Amino acid sequence: MVVAILIGVFIALVAAYILVIQFPGLVPAVGSAVDALIFYLGQAMDIVWLFVPKTVTIALMTLAIAVEVVVLGYKFVMWILRKIPMAGIN
């Protein structure tokens, strides 16, 4: 219960901090580079879809991203819990 409260407080503090910061706009060069990257990734996916059906590719990509998010989330939560001495997690 205490750990859940601490995690909730941590998330609230980080969210409040991010909302307060005024981020500057992107430089036009960065925007064009991101657009080029997205274009090249789209072209690469078209090549992949020649060999593997689009529905299978999208389902497998979704599964891979979901697994990666869960693993990284678990590592992050465990890192936070190891920082709390009273939790007793090594």
Protein backbone atom coordinates (compact mmCIF):
# COMPACT_ATOMS: atom_id res chain seq x y z
CA MET A 1 0.00 0.00 0.00
CA VAL A 2 2.79 2.39 0.93
CA VAL A 3 4.66 1.55 -2.27
CA ALA A 4 1.56 2.28 -4.37
CA ILE A 5 1.14 5.64 -2.65
CA LEU A 6 4.80 6.51 -3.22
CA ILE A 7 4.59 5.55 -6.88
CA GLY A 8 1.42 7.65 -7.25
CA VAL A 9 3.13 10.64 -5.64
CA PHE A 10 6.16 10.20 -7.88
CA ILE A 11 4.00 10.07 -11.02
CA ALA A 12 2.04 13.14 -9.90
CA LEU A 13 5.26 15.11 -9.25
CA VAL A 14 6.75 14.17 -12.62
CA ALA A 15 3.49 15.03 -14.44
CA ALA A 16 3.23 18.40 -12.66
CA TYR A 17 6.87 19.18 -13.45
CA ILE A 18 6.42 18.35 -17.15
CA LEU A 19 3.25 20.46 -17.38
CA VAL A 20 4.95 23.50 -15.84
CA ILE A 21 7.91 23.51 -18.24
CA GLN A 22 7.52 25.68 -21.34
CA PHE A 23 9.26 23.72 -24.10
CA PRO A 24 10.53 25.77 -27.06
CA GLY A 25 9.41 25.02 -30.60
CA LEU A 26 11.38 22.69 -32.82
CA VAL A 27 13.92 24.07 -35.25
CA PRO A 28 12.69 23.61 -38.86
CA ALA A 29 15.71 21.43 -39.64
CA VAL A 30 14.68 18.96 -36.93
CA GLY A 31 11.14 18.83 -38.31
CA SER A 32 12.36 18.12 -41.83
CA ALA A 33 14.74 15.43 -40.54
CA VAL A 34 11.91 13.74 -38.67
CA ASP A 35 9.73 13.91 -41.79
CA ALA A 36 12.51 12.31 -43.85
CA LEU A 37 12.97 9.56 -41.24
CA ILE A 38 9.25 8.78 -41.25
CA PHE A 39 9.27 8.70 -45.08
CA TYR A 40 12.21 6.25 -45.14
CA LEU A 41 10.58 4.03 -42.52
CA GLY A 42 7.39 3.97 -44.62
CA GLN A 43 9.39 2.93 -47.67
CA ALA A 44 11.09 0.17 -45.66
CA MET A 45 7.72 -1.12 -44.47
CA ASP A 46 6.52 -1.27 -48.07
CA ILE A 47 9.46 -3.54 -48.88
CA VAL A 48 8.69 -5.76 -45.86
CA TRP A 49 5.04 -5.98 -46.93
CA LEU A 50 6.13 -7.48 -50.25
CA PHE A 51 7.21 -10.63 -48.38
CA VAL A 52 4.97 -10.69 -45.28
CA PRO A 53 1.28 -9.74 -45.25
CA LYS A 54 0.53 -6.33 -43.76
CA THR A 55 -1.85 -7.66 -41.09
CA VAL A 56 0.72 -10.17 -39.82
CA THR A 57 3.48 -7.55 -39.77
CA ILE A 58 1.38 -5.03 -37.84
CA ALA A 59 0.25 -7.67 -35.33
CA LEU A 60 3.81 -8.85 -34.71
CA MET A 61 5.13 -5.30 -34.42
CA THR A 62 2.40 -4.50 -31.89
CA LEU A 63 3.29 -7.60 -29.90
CA ALA A 64 7.02 -6.79 -29.96
CA ILE A 65 6.43 -3.20 -28.82
CA ALA A 66 4.07 -4.34 -26.06
CA VAL A 67 6.60 -6.86 -24.74
CA GLU A 68 9.36 -4.24 -24.80
CA VAL A 69 7.19 -1.73 -22.93
CA VAL A 70 6.34 -4.31 -20.26
CA VAL A 71 10.00 -5.29 -19.81
CA LEU A 72 11.19 -1.68 -19.58
CA GLY A 73 8.31 -0.79 -17.24
CA TYR A 74 9.19 -3.72 -14.98
CA LYS A 75 12.85 -2.68 -14.90
CA PHE A 76 11.88 0.92 -14.08
CA VAL A 77 9.51 -0.07 -11.28
CA MET A 78 12.08 -2.45 -9.80
CA TRP A 79 14.73 0.29 -9.97
CA ILE A 80 12.43 2.61 -8.03
CA LEU A 81 11.56 -0.08 -5.49
CA ARG A 82 15.25 -0.86 -4.91
CA LYS A 83 15.77 2.80 -3.99
CA ILE A 84 13.24 2.54 -1.13
CA PRO A 85 15.05 1.04 1.90
CA MET A 86 11.88 0.07 3.79
CA ALA A 87 10.60 -2.04 0.87
CA GLY A 88 13.37 -4.60 1.45
CA ILE A 89 13.84 -5.48 -2.24
CA ASN A 90 17.37 -6.29 -3.38
